[in-house]
Amino acid sequence: MADTFKKMKAYVTGQEEEEKGIIDQVKDEATCCKDMSWSTRIKGFLICVAVGFGLSLLGTIMIFVGNFIAFGILYSCGTITAICSSFFLMGPWKQLKKMIDPNRLIATIVMIITIVLTFLAAFLWESGGLCILFVILQFLAFAWYCLSYIPYARECVIKTATSCC
């Protein structure tokens, strides 16, 4: 009913609303955290980070048990959970936009590819060795991605690495 009155008012005043495109609808729906208080967002972020760290740690323990496939699966789920934790701080849409920023795009693509390859190595190929290889690459891509948020961090790592070699 209220929607009908809005449309009538817009028609009468001559200020018709444009229909929202699919991107605008996704943006509106993707801001799921806008109604949360800042302290609730911080709690959600910390819980997701803790769960992500816990999954990665549990995966690492699986190496010592000899279950490399479980290691790959748990570690990858931990990485995904850690990435999703920042949804609480800035919202999913803004986080996804930051992930495809030209400064982070390559690290994001490599990270996503290595996560997918880790799952393929675990479920399809059932190869523990490939799981370990892809998790190592996944870790390096995630670290490089995280460093992109700290000013001059990548440059420091590059300078340190080149001075050691």
N, C-alpha and C. Protein backbone atom coordinates (compact mmCIF):
# COMPACT_ATOMS: atom_id res chain seq x y z
N MET A 1 0.81 -1.18 0.00
CA MET A 1 0.00 0.00 0.00
C MET A 1 0.86 1.26 0.00
N ALA A 2 1.90 1.26 0.86
CA ALA A 2 2.79 2.42 0.93
C ALA A 2 3.52 2.60 -0.40
N ASP A 3 3.83 1.49 -1.04
CA ASP A 3 4.53 1.54 -2.32
C ASP A 3 3.65 2.21 -3.38
N THR A 4 2.37 1.94 -3.32
CA THR A 4 1.42 2.55 -4.27
C THR A 4 1.36 4.06 -4.08
N PHE A 5 1.35 4.49 -2.81
CA PHE A 5 1.33 5.93 -2.54
C PHE A 5 2.61 6.61 -3.01
N LYS A 6 3.73 5.94 -2.86
CA LYS A 6 5.00 6.50 -3.33
C LYS A 6 4.98 6.69 -4.84
N LYS A 7 4.44 5.69 -5.53
CA LYS A 7 4.36 5.78 -6.98
C LYS A 7 3.41 6.90 -7.42
N MET A 8 2.27 7.01 -6.71
CA MET A 8 1.31 8.07 -7.04
C MET A 8 1.93 9.45 -6.78
N LYS A 9 2.62 9.58 -5.66
CA LYS A 9 3.25 10.86 -5.32
C LYS A 9 4.30 11.21 -6.36
N ALA A 10 5.10 10.23 -6.76
CA ALA A 10 6.13 10.47 -7.76
C ALA A 10 5.51 10.88 -9.09
N TYR A 11 4.39 10.26 -9.43
CA TYR A 11 3.72 10.59 -10.69
C TYR A 11 3.13 12.00 -10.64
N VAL A 12 2.52 12.34 -9.52
CA VAL A 12 1.89 13.65 -9.37
C VAL A 12 2.93 14.76 -9.35
N THR A 13 4.02 14.53 -8.65
CA THR A 13 5.06 15.56 -8.54
C THR A 13 5.98 15.57 -9.75
N GLY A 14 5.89 14.57 -10.58
CA GLY A 14 6.74 14.52 -11.77
C GLY A 14 8.14 14.00 -11.49
N GLN A 15 8.33 13.43 -10.33
CA GLN A 15 9.64 12.89 -9.96
C GLN A 15 9.57 11.37 -9.93
N GLU A 16 9.42 10.80 -11.09
CA GLU A 16 9.32 9.34 -11.17
C GLU A 16 10.66 8.71 -10.83
N GLU A 17 10.60 7.66 -10.04
CA GLU A 17 11.82 6.93 -9.69
C GLU A 17 12.20 6.02 -10.84
N GLU A 18 13.50 5.98 -11.08
CA GLU A 18 14.00 5.03 -12.08
C GLU A 18 14.05 3.66 -11.43
N GLU A 19 13.78 2.65 -12.24
CA GLU A 19 13.88 1.29 -11.71
C GLU A 19 15.34 0.96 -11.46
N LYS A 20 15.57 0.25 -10.37
CA LYS A 20 16.94 -0.12 -10.03
C LYS A 20 17.41 -1.26 -10.92
N GLY A 21 18.65 -1.15 -11.33
CA GLY A 21 19.26 -2.22 -12.09
C GLY A 21 19.65 -3.36 -11.17
N ILE A 22 20.10 -4.44 -11.76
CA ILE A 22 20.48 -5.62 -10.98
C ILE A 22 21.66 -5.31 -10.06
N ILE A 23 22.60 -4.49 -10.53
CA ILE A 23 23.77 -4.14 -9.70
C ILE A 23 23.32 -3.36 -8.47
N ASP A 24 22.42 -2.40 -8.65
CA ASP A 24 21.94 -1.62 -7.51
C ASP A 24 21.17 -2.50 -6.52
N GLN A 25 20.40 -3.45 -7.04
CA GLN A 25 19.67 -4.36 -6.16
C GLN A 25 20.63 -5.22 -5.35
N VAL A 26 21.71 -5.70 -6.00
CA VAL A 26 22.71 -6.51 -5.30
C VAL A 26 23.40 -5.66 -4.24
N LYS A 27 23.72 -4.41 -4.59
CA LYS A 27 24.37 -3.52 -3.62
C LYS A 27 23.49 -3.34 -2.39
N ASP A 28 22.20 -3.10 -2.61
CA ASP A 28 21.29 -2.90 -1.49
C ASP A 28 21.20 -4.15 -0.62
N GLU A 29 21.14 -5.31 -1.25
CA GLU A 29 21.02 -6.55 -0.50
C GLU A 29 22.35 -6.95 0.14
N ALA A 30 23.47 -6.48 -0.44
CA ALA A 30 24.78 -6.88 0.07
C ALA A 30 25.21 -6.08 1.28
N THR A 31 24.49 -5.03 1.62
CA THR A 31 24.85 -4.24 2.79
C THR A 31 24.13 -4.79 4.01
N CYS A 32 24.36 -6.04 4.27
CA CYS A 32 23.64 -6.72 5.34
C CYS A 32 24.08 -6.25 6.72
N CYS A 33 25.21 -5.61 6.81
CA CYS A 33 25.73 -5.22 8.11
C CYS A 33 25.40 -3.79 8.48
N LYS A 34 24.70 -3.06 7.63
CA LYS A 34 24.47 -1.65 7.88
C LYS A 34 23.62 -1.41 9.12
N ASP A 35 22.79 -2.37 9.51
CA ASP A 35 21.93 -2.19 10.67
C ASP A 35 22.62 -2.63 11.97
N MET A 36 23.80 -3.19 11.87
CA MET A 36 24.51 -3.65 13.06
C MET A 36 25.29 -2.50 13.69
N SER A 37 25.39 -2.53 15.00
CA SER A 37 26.22 -1.54 15.68
C SER A 37 27.69 -1.87 15.42
N TRP A 38 28.55 -0.88 15.67
CA TRP A 38 29.97 -1.09 15.42
C TRP A 38 30.52 -2.20 16.32
N SER A 39 30.07 -2.26 17.56
CA SER A 39 30.58 -3.31 18.46
C SER A 39 30.13 -4.69 18.00
N THR A 40 28.92 -4.80 17.44
CA THR A 40 28.46 -6.08 16.91
C THR A 40 29.27 -6.47 15.69
N ARG A 41 29.59 -5.50 14.87
CA ARG A 41 30.42 -5.78 13.69
C ARG A 41 31.81 -6.28 14.11
N ILE A 42 32.40 -5.64 15.11
CA ILE A 42 33.72 -6.06 15.60
C ILE A 42 33.65 -7.48 16.15
N LYS A 43 32.59 -7.77 16.90
CA LYS A 43 32.43 -9.13 17.45
C LYS A 43 32.29 -10.15 16.32
N GLY A 44 31.49 -9.84 15.31
CA GLY A 44 31.35 -10.74 14.17
C GLY A 44 32.66 -10.95 13.44
N PHE A 45 33.40 -9.87 13.26
CA PHE A 45 34.71 -9.95 12.62
C PHE A 45 35.64 -10.86 13.42
N LEU A 46 35.73 -10.62 14.73
CA LEU A 46 36.64 -11.40 15.57
C LEU A 46 36.24 -12.87 15.63
N ILE A 47 34.94 -13.14 15.67
CA ILE A 47 34.48 -14.53 15.68
C ILE A 47 34.86 -15.22 14.38
N CYS A 48 34.65 -14.55 13.25
CA CYS A 48 35.01 -15.15 11.95
C CYS A 48 36.52 -15.37 11.84
N VAL A 49 37.29 -14.41 12.30
CA VAL A 49 38.76 -14.57 12.27
C VAL A 49 39.16 -15.75 13.14
N ALA A 50 38.56 -15.85 14.34
CA ALA A 50 38.89 -16.96 15.23
C ALA A 50 38.50 -18.31 14.63
N VAL A 51 37.32 -18.37 14.02
CA VAL A 51 36.88 -19.61 13.38
C VAL A 51 37.81 -19.96 12.21
N GLY A 52 38.17 -18.95 11.42
CA GLY A 52 39.09 -19.17 10.30
C GLY A 52 40.45 -19.67 10.78
N PHE A 53 40.95 -19.03 11.83
CA PHE A 53 42.24 -19.46 12.39
C PHE A 53 42.13 -20.87 12.96
N GLY A 54 41.01 -21.14 13.64
CA GLY A 54 40.80 -22.48 14.20
C GLY A 54 40.75 -23.56 13.13
N LEU A 55 40.04 -23.27 12.04
CA LEU A 55 39.98 -24.24 10.94
C LEU A 55 41.36 -24.47 10.32
N SER A 56 42.10 -23.40 10.13
CA SER A 56 43.45 -23.53 9.57
C SER A 56 44.36 -24.29 10.52
N LEU A 57 44.24 -24.02 11.82
CA LEU A 57 45.05 -24.73 12.81
C LEU A 57 44.68 -26.20 12.85
N LEU A 58 43.39 -26.49 12.83
CA LEU A 58 42.93 -27.88 12.81
C LEU A 58 43.44 -28.59 11.56
N GLY A 59 43.41 -27.88 10.44
CA GLY A 59 43.96 -28.44 9.20
C GLY A 59 45.44 -28.74 9.33
N THR A 60 46.18 -27.82 9.96
CA THR A 60 47.61 -28.03 10.15
C THR A 60 47.88 -29.25 11.03
N ILE A 61 47.04 -29.47 12.03
CA ILE A 61 47.18 -30.65 12.89
C ILE A 61 46.98 -31.92 12.06
N MET A 62 46.13 -31.84 11.04
CA MET A 62 45.87 -33.00 10.18
C MET A 62 47.14 -33.44 9.43
N ILE A 63 48.07 -32.54 9.23
CA ILE A 63 49.34 -32.93 8.58
C ILE A 63 50.05 -33.97 9.44
N PHE A 64 50.07 -33.73 10.74
CA PHE A 64 50.77 -34.64 11.65
C PHE A 64 50.06 -35.98 11.79
N VAL A 65 48.77 -35.99 11.50
CA VAL A 65 48.01 -37.24 11.50
C VAL A 65 48.23 -37.98 10.18
N GLY A 66 48.66 -37.24 9.17
CA GLY A 66 48.91 -37.83 7.87
C GLY A 66 47.74 -37.70 6.91
N ASN A 67 46.76 -36.92 7.27
CA ASN A 67 45.59 -36.74 6.42
C ASN A 67 45.73 -35.41 5.67
N PHE A 68 46.44 -35.44 4.55
CA PHE A 68 46.74 -34.22 3.81
C PHE A 68 45.52 -33.64 3.11
N ILE A 69 44.58 -34.50 2.75
CA ILE A 69 43.36 -34.02 2.09
C ILE A 69 42.52 -33.21 3.08
N ALA A 70 42.36 -33.71 4.30
CA ALA A 70 41.62 -32.95 5.33
C ALA A 70 42.35 -31.64 5.63
N PHE A 71 43.67 -31.69 5.60
CA PHE A 71 44.46 -30.47 5.79
C PHE A 71 44.10 -29.42 4.75
N GLY A 72 44.09 -29.81 3.49
CA GLY A 72 43.78 -28.87 2.41
C GLY A 72 42.38 -28.30 2.52
N ILE A 73 41.42 -29.16 2.85
CA ILE A 73 40.03 -28.72 2.95
C ILE A 73 39.86 -27.75 4.13
N LEU A 74 40.35 -28.13 5.29
CA LEU A 74 40.19 -27.29 6.48
C LEU A 74 40.94 -25.97 6.34
N TYR A 75 42.16 -26.04 5.80
CA TYR A 75 42.94 -24.82 5.65
C TYR A 75 42.25 -23.85 4.68
N SER A 76 41.74 -24.38 3.57
CA SER A 76 41.04 -23.53 2.59
C SER A 76 39.77 -22.94 3.18
N CYS A 77 39.02 -23.73 3.93
CA CYS A 77 37.82 -23.20 4.59
C CYS A 77 38.20 -22.10 5.59
N GLY A 78 39.33 -22.27 6.26
CA GLY A 78 39.81 -21.24 7.18
C GLY A 78 40.16 -19.95 6.46
N THR A 79 40.78 -20.07 5.30
CA THR A 79 41.12 -18.89 4.50
C THR A 79 39.86 -18.17 4.04
N ILE A 80 38.89 -18.92 3.56
CA ILE A 80 37.63 -18.32 3.09
C ILE A 80 36.93 -17.62 4.25
N THR A 81 36.89 -18.24 5.41
CA THR A 81 36.25 -17.64 6.58
C THR A 81 36.98 -16.37 7.00
N ALA A 82 38.30 -16.38 6.95
CA ALA A 82 39.07 -15.19 7.31
C ALA A 82 38.79 -14.04 6.34
N ILE A 83 38.69 -14.35 5.06
CA ILE A 83 38.37 -13.31 4.08
C ILE A 83 36.97 -12.76 4.34
N CYS A 84 36.03 -13.64 4.60
CA CYS A 84 34.65 -13.22 4.84
C CYS A 84 34.49 -12.43 6.14
N SER A 85 35.44 -12.54 7.05
CA SER A 85 35.33 -11.81 8.31
C SER A 85 35.29 -10.30 8.08
N SER A 86 35.97 -9.83 7.05
CA SER A 86 35.97 -8.39 6.80
C SER A 86 34.64 -7.90 6.24
N PHE A 87 33.75 -8.81 5.87
CA PHE A 87 32.40 -8.42 5.45
C PHE A 87 31.71 -7.66 6.59
N PHE A 88 31.99 -8.06 7.83
CA PHE A 88 31.37 -7.39 8.98
C PHE A 88 31.85 -5.95 9.11
N LEU A 89 33.09 -5.69 8.75
CA LEU A 89 33.64 -4.35 8.94
C LEU A 89 33.21 -3.39 7.84
N MET A 90 33.21 -3.85 6.60
CA MET A 90 32.92 -2.92 5.51
C MET A 90 31.77 -3.36 4.62
N GLY A 91 31.24 -4.52 4.86
CA GLY A 91 30.15 -5.03 4.02
C GLY A 91 30.71 -5.83 2.85
N PRO A 92 29.95 -6.80 2.39
CA PRO A 92 30.43 -7.68 1.32
C PRO A 92 30.71 -6.96 0.01
N TRP A 93 29.84 -6.04 -0.37
CA TRP A 93 30.00 -5.38 -1.66
C TRP A 93 31.29 -4.56 -1.69
N LYS A 94 31.54 -3.79 -0.64
CA LYS A 94 32.75 -2.96 -0.58
C LYS A 94 34.00 -3.85 -0.52
N GLN A 95 33.92 -4.95 0.22
CA GLN A 95 35.06 -5.87 0.29
C GLN A 95 35.35 -6.46 -1.08
N LEU A 96 34.33 -6.88 -1.79
CA LEU A 96 34.54 -7.45 -3.13
C LEU A 96 35.11 -6.41 -4.08
N LYS A 97 34.66 -5.16 -3.96
CA LYS A 97 35.22 -4.09 -4.79
C LYS A 97 36.71 -3.87 -4.47
N LYS A 98 37.05 -3.97 -3.18
CA LYS A 98 38.46 -3.81 -2.79
C LYS A 98 39.30 -4.99 -3.28
N MET A 99 38.69 -6.16 -3.32
CA MET A 99 39.44 -7.34 -3.76
C MET A 99 39.82 -7.25 -5.24
N ILE A 100 38.99 -6.58 -6.04
CA ILE A 100 39.30 -6.48 -7.47
C ILE A 100 39.98 -5.16 -7.82
N ASP A 101 40.37 -4.41 -6.79
CA ASP A 101 41.17 -3.21 -7.01
C ASP A 101 42.45 -3.62 -7.74
N PRO A 102 42.91 -2.82 -8.71
CA PRO A 102 44.11 -3.20 -9.48
C PRO A 102 45.32 -3.54 -8.61
N ASN A 103 45.41 -2.94 -7.43
CA ASN A 103 46.53 -3.21 -6.53
C ASN A 103 46.47 -4.62 -5.94
N ARG A 104 45.27 -5.19 -5.84
CA ARG A 104 45.08 -6.50 -5.22
C ARG A 104 44.61 -7.57 -6.19
N LEU A 105 44.32 -7.21 -7.41
CA LEU A 105 43.65 -8.12 -8.33
C LEU A 105 44.43 -9.41 -8.57
N ILE A 106 45.72 -9.30 -8.81
CA ILE A 106 46.52 -10.50 -9.09
C ILE A 106 46.55 -11.42 -7.87
N ALA A 107 46.76 -10.85 -6.68
CA ALA A 107 46.78 -11.66 -5.47
C ALA A 107 45.42 -12.32 -5.24
N THR A 108 44.34 -11.59 -5.52
CA THR A 108 43.00 -12.13 -5.36
C THR A 108 42.76 -13.30 -6.32
N ILE A 109 43.14 -13.11 -7.57
CA ILE A 109 42.95 -14.17 -8.58
C ILE A 109 43.76 -15.40 -8.21
N VAL A 110 45.03 -15.21 -7.84
CA VAL A 110 45.87 -16.35 -7.47
C VAL A 110 45.30 -17.05 -6.25
N MET A 111 44.83 -16.28 -5.28
CA MET A 111 44.27 -16.87 -4.07
C MET A 111 43.02 -17.69 -4.39
N ILE A 112 42.12 -17.15 -5.20
CA ILE A 112 40.90 -17.88 -5.56
C ILE A 112 41.24 -19.14 -6.35
N ILE A 113 42.15 -19.01 -7.29
CA ILE A 113 42.55 -20.17 -8.10
C ILE A 113 43.15 -21.26 -7.22
N THR A 114 44.03 -20.87 -6.28
CA THR A 114 44.67 -21.89 -5.43
C THR A 114 43.66 -22.52 -4.47
N ILE A 115 42.67 -21.77 -4.03
CA ILE A 115 41.63 -22.36 -3.17
C ILE A 115 40.82 -23.39 -3.98
N VAL A 116 40.45 -23.02 -5.19
CA VAL A 116 39.71 -23.95 -6.05
C VAL A 116 40.57 -25.18 -6.35
N LEU A 117 41.84 -24.97 -6.67
CA LEU A 117 42.73 -26.10 -6.96
C LEU A 117 42.92 -26.99 -5.74
N THR A 118 42.95 -26.38 -4.56
CA THR A 118 43.07 -27.19 -3.33
C THR A 118 41.86 -28.09 -3.17
N PHE A 119 40.67 -27.55 -3.39
CA PHE A 119 39.46 -28.37 -3.29
C PHE A 119 39.43 -29.45 -4.38
N LEU A 120 39.88 -29.10 -5.59
CA LEU A 120 39.94 -30.11 -6.65
C LEU A 120 40.93 -31.21 -6.29
N ALA A 121 42.08 -30.82 -5.75
CA ALA A 121 43.09 -31.82 -5.36
C ALA A 121 42.56 -32.72 -4.26
N ALA A 122 41.73 -32.17 -3.38
CA ALA A 122 41.20 -32.96 -2.27
C ALA A 122 40.06 -33.86 -2.71
N PHE A 123 39.07 -33.29 -3.40
CA PHE A 123 37.85 -34.04 -3.70
C PHE A 123 37.93 -34.84 -5.00
N LEU A 124 38.50 -34.25 -6.03
CA LEU A 124 38.49 -34.90 -7.34
C LEU A 124 39.72 -35.78 -7.55
N TRP A 125 40.88 -35.20 -7.30
CA TRP A 125 42.13 -35.93 -7.56
C TRP A 125 42.61 -36.73 -6.36
N GLU A 126 42.10 -36.41 -5.17
CA GLU A 126 42.47 -37.09 -3.93
C GLU A 126 43.99 -37.20 -3.77
N SER A 127 44.65 -36.06 -3.95
CA SER A 127 46.12 -36.02 -3.89
C SER A 127 46.56 -35.12 -2.74
N GLY A 128 47.11 -35.75 -1.71
CA GLY A 128 47.60 -34.99 -0.55
C GLY A 128 48.77 -34.09 -0.90
N GLY A 129 49.65 -34.55 -1.79
CA GLY A 129 50.81 -33.75 -2.20
C GLY A 129 50.39 -32.47 -2.90
N LEU A 130 49.41 -32.59 -3.80
CA LEU A 130 48.90 -31.39 -4.48
C LEU A 130 48.19 -30.46 -3.50
N CYS A 131 47.49 -31.03 -2.52
CA CYS A 131 46.83 -30.20 -1.50
C CYS A 131 47.87 -29.34 -0.78
N ILE A 132 48.97 -29.96 -0.40
CA ILE A 132 50.02 -29.21 0.31
C ILE A 132 50.61 -28.12 -0.59
N LEU A 133 50.89 -28.46 -1.84
CA LEU A 133 51.44 -27.48 -2.77
C LEU A 133 50.49 -26.30 -2.95
N PHE A 134 49.21 -26.58 -3.16
CA PHE A 134 48.24 -25.50 -3.39
C PHE A 134 47.99 -24.68 -2.13
N VAL A 135 48.07 -25.32 -0.96
CA VAL A 135 47.90 -24.56 0.29
C VAL A 135 49.09 -23.62 0.50
N ILE A 136 50.29 -24.06 0.16
CA ILE A 136 51.46 -23.18 0.27
C ILE A 136 51.29 -21.97 -0.64
N LEU A 137 50.88 -22.21 -1.87
CA LEU A 137 50.63 -21.10 -2.81
C LEU A 137 49.49 -20.22 -2.32
N GLN A 138 48.47 -20.85 -1.75
CA GLN A 138 47.33 -20.12 -1.20
C GLN A 138 47.77 -19.21 -0.06
N PHE A 139 48.62 -19.73 0.81
CA PHE A 139 49.13 -18.94 1.93
C PHE A 139 49.92 -17.74 1.43
N LEU A 140 50.79 -17.96 0.45
CA LEU A 140 51.59 -16.85 -0.08
C LEU A 140 50.71 -15.80 -0.75
N ALA A 141 49.70 -16.24 -1.50
CA ALA A 141 48.79 -15.29 -2.15
C ALA A 141 47.98 -14.52 -1.11
N PHE A 142 47.53 -15.20 -0.06
CA PHE A 142 46.76 -14.54 0.99
C PHE A 142 47.63 -13.54 1.75
N ALA A 143 48.86 -13.92 2.02
CA ALA A 143 49.78 -12.99 2.71
C ALA A 143 50.03 -11.76 1.85
N TRP A 144 50.26 -11.96 0.54
CA TRP A 144 50.49 -10.84 -0.37
C TRP A 144 49.24 -9.96 -0.46
N TYR A 145 48.08 -10.59 -0.46
CA TYR A 145 46.81 -9.85 -0.47
C TYR A 145 46.69 -9.01 0.80
N CYS A 146 46.95 -9.61 1.95
CA CYS A 146 46.84 -8.88 3.22
C CYS A 146 47.85 -7.73 3.30
N LEU A 147 49.04 -7.94 2.77
CA LEU A 147 50.05 -6.88 2.79
C LEU A 147 49.63 -5.67 1.97
N SER A 148 48.73 -5.87 1.00
CA SER A 148 48.30 -4.75 0.16
C SER A 148 47.49 -3.73 0.95
N TYR A 149 46.98 -4.10 2.12
CA TYR A 149 46.22 -3.17 2.94
C TYR A 149 47.12 -2.33 3.85
N ILE A 150 48.38 -2.70 3.97
CA ILE A 150 49.32 -1.96 4.82
C ILE A 150 50.19 -1.11 3.90
N PRO A 151 50.18 0.21 4.09
CA PRO A 151 50.98 1.08 3.21
C PRO A 151 52.46 0.70 3.22
N TYR A 152 53.02 0.56 2.06
CA TYR A 152 54.44 0.28 1.82
C TYR A 152 54.90 -1.09 2.33
N ALA A 153 53.98 -1.95 2.75
CA ALA A 153 54.37 -3.27 3.26
C ALA A 153 54.95 -4.14 2.17
N ARG A 154 54.33 -4.12 1.00
CA ARG A 154 54.84 -4.95 -0.11
C ARG A 154 56.24 -4.50 -0.51
N GLU A 155 56.43 -3.18 -0.57
CA GLU A 155 57.74 -2.66 -0.94
C GLU A 155 58.81 -3.09 0.06
N CYS A 156 58.47 -3.08 1.36
CA CYS A 156 59.41 -3.52 2.39
C CYS A 156 59.76 -4.99 2.22
N VAL A 157 58.75 -5.82 1.93
CA VAL A 157 59.00 -7.25 1.74
C VAL A 157 59.89 -7.48 0.53
N ILE A 158 59.62 -6.76 -0.56
CA ILE A 158 60.43 -6.90 -1.77
C ILE A 158 61.86 -6.47 -1.50
N LYS A 159 62.06 -5.34 -0.83
CA LYS A 159 63.41 -4.86 -0.52
C LYS A 159 64.14 -5.83 0.39
N THR A 160 63.44 -6.36 1.39
CA THR A 160 64.05 -7.32 2.30
C THR A 160 64.44 -8.60 1.54
N ALA A 161 63.57 -9.07 0.69
CA ALA A 161 63.85 -10.30 -0.06
C ALA A 161 65.01 -10.10 -1.02
N THR A 162 65.06 -8.95 -1.69
CA THR A 162 66.15 -8.71 -2.64
C THR A 162 67.47 -8.47 -1.94
N SER A 163 67.43 -7.93 -0.74
CA SER A 163 68.70 -7.71 -0.01
C SER A 163 69.25 -9.02 0.54
N CYS A 164 68.39 -9.99 0.78
CA CYS A 164 68.84 -11.30 1.27
C CYS A 164 69.39 -12.17 0.15
N CYS A 165 68.98 -11.91 -1.06
CA CYS A 165 69.39 -12.76 -2.18
C CYS A 165 70.58 -12.22 -2.91
